[in-house]
Protein backbone atom coordinates (compact mmCIF):
# COMPACT_ATOMS: atom_id res chain seq x y z
CA MET A 1 29.59 -6.81 -6.25
CA GLY A 2 25.84 -6.13 -5.12
CA LYS A 3 24.29 -6.93 -1.70
CA ILE A 4 21.30 -9.49 -1.58
CA ILE A 5 18.43 -7.91 0.15
CA LEU A 6 15.31 -10.19 1.37
CA ILE A 7 12.39 -8.17 1.59
CA LEU A 8 9.61 -9.71 4.08
CA ASN A 9 5.72 -9.14 4.35
CA SER A 10 4.74 -11.25 6.67
CA GLY A 11 0.93 -11.09 7.14
CA SER A 12 -1.73 -12.51 9.43
CA SER A 13 -2.08 -15.73 7.29
CA SER A 14 1.05 -15.45 5.09
CA LEU A 15 4.55 -14.53 4.02
CA LYS A 16 5.73 -12.36 0.49
CA TYR A 17 9.15 -12.77 0.01
CA GLU A 18 11.21 -11.37 -2.71
CA LEU A 19 15.42 -11.30 -3.20
CA MET A 20 16.66 -8.07 -4.92
CA GLN A 21 20.07 -7.55 -5.32
CA MET A 22 21.05 -3.60 -4.99
CA PRO A 23 22.05 -1.46 -6.06
CA GLU A 24 21.87 -2.71 -9.29
CA ARG A 25 17.89 -3.28 -8.88
CA LYS A 26 18.10 -6.81 -9.92
CA ARG A 27 14.91 -8.53 -9.00
CA LEU A 28 16.49 -12.54 -8.47
CA GLY A 29 12.84 -14.12 -7.30
CA LYS A 30 10.37 -13.74 -5.12
CA GLY A 31 7.92 -16.80 -3.24
CA LEU A 32 4.73 -16.30 -1.12
CA VAL A 33 3.48 -19.12 1.38
CA GLU A 34 -0.26 -19.33 1.68
CA ARG A 35 -2.96 -20.31 4.48
CA ILE A 36 -0.71 -20.29 7.96
CA GLY A 37 -2.47 -21.51 10.62
CA THR A 38 -5.06 -23.83 8.76
CA SER A 39 -4.50 -27.24 7.91
CA MET A 40 -2.68 -27.43 4.92
CA GLY A 41 -0.55 -24.13 3.12
CA LYS A 42 0.81 -23.97 -0.06
CA ILE A 43 4.35 -22.34 -1.07
CA THR A 44 4.93 -20.60 -4.47
CA GLN A 45 8.47 -19.64 -5.78
CA THR A 46 9.47 -18.28 -8.58
CA CYS A 47 13.19 -17.49 -10.18
CA GLY A 48 13.41 -16.59 -13.93
CA GLU A 49 11.31 -19.33 -15.24
CA LYS A 50 11.68 -21.66 -12.83
CA LYS A 51 8.60 -22.46 -10.75
CA VAL A 52 7.78 -24.33 -7.92
CA SER A 53 4.57 -24.79 -5.86
CA TYR A 54 3.39 -27.31 -3.20
CA GLU A 55 1.55 -28.10 -0.45
CA MET A 56 2.27 -28.68 2.92
CA PRO A 57 1.33 -27.89 6.51
CA PHE A 58 2.12 -24.53 8.09
CA PRO A 59 0.70 -24.07 11.68
CA ASP A 60 2.51 -21.26 12.64
CA HIS A 61 5.14 -18.37 10.95
CA LYS A 62 8.11 -20.27 12.27
CA VAL A 63 7.57 -22.84 9.88
CA ALA A 64 6.17 -20.73 7.22
CA MET A 65 10.16 -19.00 7.60
CA ASN A 66 12.08 -22.00 7.98
CA GLU A 67 10.51 -23.50 4.94
CA ALA A 68 10.95 -20.05 2.31
CA LEU A 69 14.58 -19.90 3.75
CA LYS A 70 14.89 -23.52 3.00
CA LEU A 71 13.23 -23.15 -0.65
CA MET A 72 14.97 -20.09 -1.43
CA SER A 73 18.54 -21.88 -1.39
CA ASP A 74 17.48 -24.68 -2.54
CA LYS A 75 20.07 -26.65 -4.27
CA ASP A 76 17.88 -27.58 -7.76
CA SER A 77 15.15 -24.48 -7.56
CA GLY A 78 16.59 -21.82 -4.94
CA ILE A 79 17.20 -18.26 -6.07
CA ILE A 80 20.48 -17.97 -4.69
CA LYS A 81 23.06 -20.57 -3.22
CA ASP A 82 23.04 -20.22 0.80
CA THR A 83 21.13 -18.02 3.19
CA SER A 84 24.53 -16.44 3.91
CA GLU A 85 24.14 -14.76 0.72
CA ILE A 86 21.36 -12.43 2.39
CA LYS A 87 23.33 -9.79 3.73
CA ALA A 88 20.14 -7.53 5.20
CA VAL A 89 16.26 -7.80 5.33
CA GLY A 90 13.56 -5.21 5.13
CA HIS A 91 10.17 -5.82 6.53
CA ARG A 92 7.02 -4.44 5.50
CA VAL A 93 5.13 -2.73 9.02
CA LEU A 94 2.18 -1.26 8.50
CA HIS A 95 1.84 1.06 11.79
CA GLY A 96 5.01 2.81 13.70
CA GLY A 97 3.01 4.85 15.71
CA SER A 98 3.75 8.43 16.39
CA LYS A 99 7.63 7.54 16.98
CA CYS A 100 8.87 5.89 13.91
CA ILE A 101 8.74 8.26 11.14
CA GLU A 102 11.43 6.85 8.41
CA SER A 103 12.30 3.19 7.76
CA MET A 104 15.14 2.51 10.87
CA LEU A 105 17.17 -0.58 11.93
CA VAL A 106 15.63 -2.68 14.16
CA THR A 107 16.33 -2.63 17.65
CA ASP A 108 15.00 -3.42 20.97
CA ASP A 109 13.16 0.29 21.07
CA VAL A 110 11.66 -0.09 17.34
CA ILE A 111 9.74 -3.54 18.22
CA LYS A 112 8.67 -1.80 21.42
CA HIS A 113 7.33 1.15 19.11
CA ILE A 114 5.64 -1.24 16.81
CA GLU A 115 3.90 -3.44 19.66
CA GLU A 116 2.76 0.32 20.87
CA ALA A 117 1.05 0.83 17.77
CA VAL A 118 -0.90 -2.72 17.45
CA ALA A 119 -3.43 -0.85 19.03
CA TRP A 120 -4.01 0.93 15.38
CA GLY A 121 -3.15 -1.88 13.43
CA PRO A 122 -4.18 -4.88 15.07
CA LEU A 123 -4.46 -7.48 11.75
CA HIS A 124 -1.41 -6.55 10.72
CA ASN A 125 1.36 -5.33 13.57
CA PRO A 126 1.23 -8.49 15.29
CA PRO A 127 2.46 -10.73 11.97
CA ASN A 128 4.51 -8.09 11.14
CA LEU A 129 6.52 -8.58 14.39
CA ILE A 130 6.70 -12.21 14.03
CA GLY A 131 8.66 -11.95 10.65
CA ILE A 132 11.10 -9.90 12.24
CA ARG A 133 11.51 -11.82 14.83
CA GLU A 134 11.71 -15.41 13.11
CA ALA A 135 14.24 -13.11 10.86
CA GLN A 136 16.40 -12.18 13.46
CA LYS A 137 16.33 -15.91 14.72
CA ARG A 138 17.11 -17.42 11.75
CA LEU A 139 19.43 -14.96 10.05
CA PRO A 140 22.20 -13.57 13.28
CA GLY A 141 23.80 -10.86 12.78
CA VAL A 142 22.27 -9.74 9.37
CA PRO A 143 20.82 -6.43 9.45
CA GLN A 144 17.01 -5.55 10.15
CA VAL A 145 15.34 -2.68 9.09
CA ALA A 146 11.45 -2.17 9.19
CA VAL A 147 10.01 0.39 6.72
CA PHE A 148 6.82 1.34 7.56
CA ASP A 149 3.53 2.40 5.56
CA THR A 150 2.97 5.26 7.93
CA ALA A 151 6.41 6.79 7.69
CA PHE A 152 6.28 8.99 4.76
CA HIS A 153 2.85 10.67 5.35
CA HIS A 154 4.62 12.23 8.46
CA THR A 155 5.22 15.26 7.14
CA MET A 156 1.89 16.61 7.52
CA PRO A 157 1.22 19.63 9.15
CA PRO A 158 -1.08 19.37 12.59
CA HIS A 159 -4.37 21.15 11.17
CA VAL A 160 -4.15 18.62 8.59
CA TYR A 161 -3.35 15.43 10.75
CA MET A 162 -5.32 16.74 13.49
CA TYR A 163 -8.75 15.29 14.75
CA PRO A 164 -11.70 17.88 15.55
CA LEU A 165 -11.74 15.92 18.55
CA PRO A 166 -10.94 17.06 22.45
CA LYS A 167 -7.14 17.32 22.08
CA GLU A 168 -6.76 15.23 25.25
CA TYR A 169 -7.91 11.99 22.94
CA TYR A 170 -4.63 13.21 20.88
CA LYS A 171 -2.13 13.69 24.02
CA LYS A 172 -3.40 10.20 26.06
CA TYR A 173 -4.22 7.93 23.06
CA GLY A 174 -2.15 9.30 19.87
CA ILE A 175 -5.62 9.64 17.97
CA ARG A 176 -4.58 11.53 14.81
CA ARG A 177 -4.21 10.53 11.53
CA TYR A 178 -1.07 8.98 10.13
CA GLY A 179 -2.09 7.76 6.79
CA PHE A 180 -1.15 4.56 4.80
CA HIS A 181 0.44 2.90 1.89
CA GLY A 182 3.25 5.17 2.36
CA THR A 183 5.64 3.38 0.91
CA SER A 184 4.15 2.96 -2.83
CA HIS A 185 3.00 6.78 -2.83
CA LYS A 186 6.97 7.53 -1.69
CA PHE A 187 8.40 5.39 -4.58
CA VAL A 188 5.46 6.87 -7.44
CA SER A 189 6.63 10.42 -6.01
CA LYS A 190 10.29 10.16 -6.68
CA ARG A 191 10.01 7.82 -9.59
CA THR A 192 7.34 10.57 -11.20
CA ALA A 193 10.10 12.88 -10.82
CA GLU A 194 12.35 10.53 -12.33
CA ILE A 195 10.72 10.40 -15.42
CA LEU A 196 9.88 14.15 -15.64
CA LYS A 197 13.77 14.86 -15.10
CA LYS A 198 12.58 16.95 -12.21
CA ASP A 199 13.12 17.98 -8.84
CA PRO A 200 10.60 16.65 -6.45
CA LYS A 201 11.07 19.51 -4.37
CA ASP A 202 9.98 21.57 -7.95
CA LEU A 203 6.58 19.40 -8.17
CA ASN A 204 3.53 19.30 -6.61
CA MET A 205 1.25 16.49 -7.25
CA ILE A 206 -1.37 13.71 -6.10
CA THR A 207 -0.66 10.19 -6.63
CA CYS A 208 -3.87 8.33 -6.43
CA HIS A 209 -3.11 4.16 -5.09
CA LEU A 210 -6.65 2.74 -6.16
CA GLY A 211 -6.58 -0.96 -5.36
CA ASN A 212 -8.91 -3.22 -3.43
CA GLY A 213 -7.49 -0.81 -0.96
CA SER A 214 -7.22 2.64 -2.31
CA SER A 215 -5.56 5.95 -0.53
CA LEU A 216 -5.00 9.40 -2.39
CA ALA A 217 -1.44 11.98 -1.46
CA ALA A 218 -1.23 15.11 -1.88
CA VAL A 219 2.34 15.52 -2.40
CA LYS A 220 3.70 19.03 -2.26
CA GLY A 221 7.55 19.51 -2.94
CA GLY A 222 7.98 16.11 -2.46
CA LYS A 223 6.33 16.11 0.40
CA VAL A 224 3.18 14.65 1.85
CA PHE A 225 0.69 17.23 2.56
CA ASP A 226 -2.11 15.39 3.12
CA THR A 227 -3.58 11.66 2.70
CA SER A 228 -7.06 10.13 2.45
CA MET A 229 -6.36 7.28 5.19
CA GLY A 230 -6.49 8.43 8.52
CA LEU A 231 -5.65 6.49 12.09
CA THR A 232 -6.53 3.44 10.16
CA PRO A 233 -6.80 2.53 6.62
CA LEU A 234 -10.13 2.82 6.96
CA GLU A 235 -10.81 6.31 6.31
CA GLY A 236 -11.04 8.07 2.83
CA LEU A 237 -12.16 6.32 -0.40
CA MET A 238 -14.23 3.85 -0.82
CA MET A 239 -12.54 0.40 -1.50
CA GLY A 240 -12.51 -3.05 -2.17
CA THR A 241 -14.38 -4.26 1.09
CA ARG A 242 -13.68 -0.95 2.88
CA CYS A 243 -16.75 1.64 2.99
CA GLY A 244 -14.04 4.76 3.53
CA ASP A 245 -15.74 7.86 4.95
CA ILE A 246 -19.55 7.36 6.06
CA ASP A 247 -21.42 9.61 8.93
CA PRO A 248 -19.88 8.25 12.30
CA ALA A 249 -23.21 8.91 13.60
CA ILE A 250 -24.31 6.05 11.91
CA LEU A 251 -22.31 3.42 14.22
CA PRO A 252 -24.52 4.39 17.56
CA TYR A 253 -28.00 3.76 15.71
CA LEU A 254 -26.44 1.01 14.37
CA ALA A 255 -25.22 -0.40 17.96
CA LYS A 256 -28.47 0.59 19.21
CA HIS A 257 -30.12 -2.11 17.02
CA GLY A 258 -28.10 -4.62 18.85
CA PHE A 259 -24.65 -4.77 16.53
CA THR A 260 -21.78 -5.00 18.42
CA ALA A 261 -18.08 -3.41 18.12
CA ALA A 262 -16.40 -5.73 16.67
CA GLU A 263 -19.47 -7.02 14.18
CA LEU A 264 -19.71 -2.78 13.08
CA ASP A 265 -16.17 -3.34 12.91
CA ASN A 266 -16.34 -6.37 10.78
CA ILE A 267 -18.58 -4.75 8.37
CA MET A 268 -17.35 -1.43 8.15
CA ASN A 269 -13.76 -3.05 7.21
CA LYS A 270 -14.76 -6.86 5.09
CA LYS A 271 -18.14 -6.13 3.90
CA SER A 272 -18.64 -2.92 2.75
CA GLY A 273 -17.48 -0.70 -0.28
CA LEU A 274 -17.56 -2.26 -3.41
CA LEU A 275 -18.68 -5.76 -2.54
CA GLY A 276 -20.93 -4.28 -0.21
CA ILE A 277 -22.93 -2.15 -2.60
CA SER A 278 -22.55 -4.72 -6.24
CA CYS A 279 -23.40 -7.42 -3.69
CA LEU A 280 -21.37 -9.37 -6.07
CA THR A 281 -17.55 -8.76 -5.66
CA ASN A 282 -14.89 -6.64 -4.70
CA ASP A 283 -13.09 -7.13 -7.47
CA MET A 284 -13.48 -3.53 -10.35
CA ARG A 285 -13.00 -5.92 -13.24
CA ASP A 286 -15.89 -8.28 -12.66
CA ILE A 287 -18.16 -5.16 -11.23
CA GLU A 288 -17.33 -3.22 -14.60
CA ASP A 289 -17.97 -6.47 -16.44
CA ALA A 290 -21.70 -6.68 -14.91
CA ALA A 291 -22.52 -2.70 -15.45
CA GLU A 292 -21.79 -3.25 -18.60
CA LYS A 293 -24.45 -6.29 -18.78
CA GLY A 294 -26.95 -3.90 -16.91
CA ASN A 295 -26.68 -4.77 -13.32
CA LYS A 296 -27.67 -1.71 -11.68
CA ASP A 297 -25.92 -2.25 -8.61
CA ALA A 298 -22.46 -2.94 -9.82
CA GLN A 299 -23.00 0.20 -11.83
CA LEU A 300 -23.74 1.89 -8.96
CA ALA A 301 -20.67 0.95 -6.86
CA LEU A 302 -18.35 1.83 -9.78
CA ASP A 303 -20.08 5.19 -9.46
CA MET A 304 -19.76 6.00 -6.27
CA PHE A 305 -16.29 4.53 -6.23
CA VAL A 306 -15.13 7.40 -9.14
CA TYR A 307 -16.93 9.90 -7.69
CA ARG A 308 -15.20 9.54 -4.42
CA VAL A 309 -11.94 9.40 -5.63
CA LYS A 310 -12.96 12.74 -7.87
CA LYS A 311 -14.69 14.31 -5.10
CA TYR A 312 -11.20 13.93 -2.84
CA LEU A 313 -8.92 14.79 -6.10
CA GLY A 314 -10.92 18.05 -6.65
CA SER A 315 -10.59 18.74 -2.71
CA TYR A 316 -6.64 18.10 -2.96
CA MET A 317 -6.12 20.34 -6.16
CA ALA A 318 -7.33 23.28 -3.74
CA ALA A 319 -5.40 22.24 -1.01
CA LEU A 320 -2.23 22.39 -3.05
CA GLY A 321 -3.24 25.64 -4.56
CA LYS A 322 -1.24 24.18 -7.85
CA THR A 323 -1.12 20.65 -8.85
CA ASP A 324 1.31 19.81 -11.75
CA VAL A 325 0.94 16.35 -12.01
CA ILE A 326 -2.04 13.63 -11.09
CA VAL A 327 -0.56 10.22 -11.03
CA PHE A 328 -2.60 6.64 -11.04
CA THR A 329 -1.21 3.72 -9.84
CA GLY A 330 -1.99 0.83 -7.62
CA GLY A 331 -4.23 -2.86 -9.17
CA ILE A 332 -6.91 -0.58 -10.74
CA GLY A 333 -5.14 3.19 -11.38
CA GLU A 334 -2.21 1.46 -13.40
CA ASN A 335 -4.86 -1.01 -15.00
CA ASP A 336 -8.55 0.25 -15.77
CA GLY A 337 -8.57 2.68 -18.05
CA ILE A 338 -12.42 2.83 -17.78
CA SER A 339 -11.88 4.37 -14.19
CA ARG A 340 -9.04 6.41 -15.20
CA ARG A 341 -11.54 7.85 -17.79
CA MET A 342 -14.06 7.86 -15.42
CA ILE A 343 -12.22 9.99 -12.64
CA CYS A 344 -10.75 12.30 -15.14
CA GLU A 345 -14.60 13.16 -17.23
CA ASN A 346 -15.75 16.48 -16.96
CA MET A 347 -12.68 18.15 -15.19
CA GLU A 348 -11.10 20.06 -17.89
CA SER A 349 -12.32 23.50 -16.43
CA LEU A 350 -9.75 22.32 -13.51
CA GLY A 351 -6.96 21.87 -16.38
CA ILE A 352 -7.25 17.94 -16.77
CA VAL A 353 -7.52 17.10 -20.63
CA LEU A 354 -7.70 13.19 -20.68
CA ASP A 355 -6.30 11.44 -24.22
CA LEU A 356 -8.83 9.03 -24.50
CA ASP A 357 -7.30 6.59 -27.22
CA LYS A 358 -3.75 6.85 -24.87
CA ASN A 359 -6.05 5.60 -21.63
CA GLU A 360 -8.03 3.18 -23.83
CA GLY A 361 -6.27 -0.45 -22.60
CA LEU A 362 -3.40 1.07 -21.35
CA ARG A 363 -2.12 -1.29 -18.46
CA GLY A 364 1.13 -1.38 -16.22
CA THR A 365 2.94 0.74 -18.21
CA GLU A 366 4.95 4.14 -17.34
CA ALA A 367 3.11 6.76 -19.76
CA VAL A 368 1.62 9.93 -20.09
CA ILE A 369 -2.28 9.90 -20.73
CA SER A 370 -2.97 13.53 -21.15
CA LYS A 371 -3.39 15.54 -24.37
CA PRO A 372 -0.65 18.12 -24.69
CA GLU A 373 -3.21 21.27 -24.01
CA SER A 374 -3.89 19.60 -20.56
CA LYS A 375 -2.58 22.00 -17.90
CA ILE A 376 -2.00 19.67 -15.30
CA LEU A 377 0.18 16.10 -16.86
CA VAL A 378 -2.08 13.15 -16.23
CA MET A 379 0.27 9.40 -16.03
CA THR A 380 0.26 5.95 -14.90
CA VAL A 381 3.43 5.11 -12.95
CA PRO A 382 3.47 1.15 -11.87
CA THR A 383 4.18 0.75 -8.12
CA ASN A 384 6.76 -1.17 -6.55
CA GLU A 385 7.23 -1.29 -2.99
CA GLU A 386 9.37 -4.21 -2.65
CA LEU A 387 11.97 -2.29 -4.73
CA GLN A 388 11.13 0.68 -2.24
CA ILE A 389 12.12 -1.07 1.02
CA ALA A 390 14.84 -2.43 -0.98
CA LEU A 391 16.14 0.96 -1.82
CA ASP A 392 15.38 1.99 2.04
CA VAL A 393 17.07 -0.81 3.24
CA TYR A 394 20.16 -0.22 1.50
CA GLU A 395 20.47 3.28 2.16
CA ILE A 396 20.39 2.84 5.53
CA VAL A 397 22.90 -0.19 6.15
CA PHE A 398 25.21 0.23 3.28
CA GLU A 399 24.76 4.04 2.58
CA GLY A 400 24.76 4.83 6.11
CA LYS A 401 21.55 7.60 5.78
């Protein structure tokens, strides 16, 4: 008999959950609690063709967790018969700091490390901790595993993860590059090796997780050599609402004009990127539609996004020395043929030759989209972070790894 694993992603105002039977990788059902902390929230759950959705107040995550467990084991519309069937819980945690370098069983020490990393993940780590504590209360004795977004990137060498700041800041404050989207980059890199029937140790690849949040990872022999996000998820590529790399001197300049630290943080994280340049939206689909209709701001946003991905792609090819595969994943990477085409344009001299016919209209599919003569394989591989969390949990709890 397989083991049923509950996968939880506790956000600031939401709670996502999924039940998966392992090692069969069977997805049993999933749910989402939205608008936690507002006057009226909503819970939605799907299990095969069964779907239930209703509104009710969710004043806090305690109520949200209680209702989610109640609904997933409901007699008529539930996913399982009883919560006692849940044999382990996997929690997505944004930041593990410097001490949580792999997925780990939740202990008092692990909770302490997550608390210490709140400074670097102030929007995510606190609700992640709430999810862990509520699951511990409601599922006593069930093993809990923390799966860190930063963990997969801990193989970066010091000359890559260090910032050229006074070294005392690294020693005193832990300021270094950590990287994020690690669960996605881990799944996609391993899945790509499986598709190609290769040992990950024999492949150098660049995984492009492109979506509202975007990052690239240079994966050398199965281990991350470099990644575009840094101390926080703000560094790197231009994203949906995040600015990515900018001249840091812009911040003290704007501060002289009266902007507070909190205002600058909000501008860079929530008002910039595709949204800030297009003056329209952070949704790439709408931006491409507007650009096609002649909207110059939308076209500029698209051009900037594509250029910055292309620039990182070229730099990672140089860093790796030899690149075997480039993989597109994430909401944009998996589904947006226009962005993929523009990113790969004029890259023939670097060994990238895209098959335009295969790329056109391809959405959410595992596929090779480069031509046979392309020296570097270009692929689309849909990410599955929930499955990767379940795989990590199963290995730790049931295989003792």
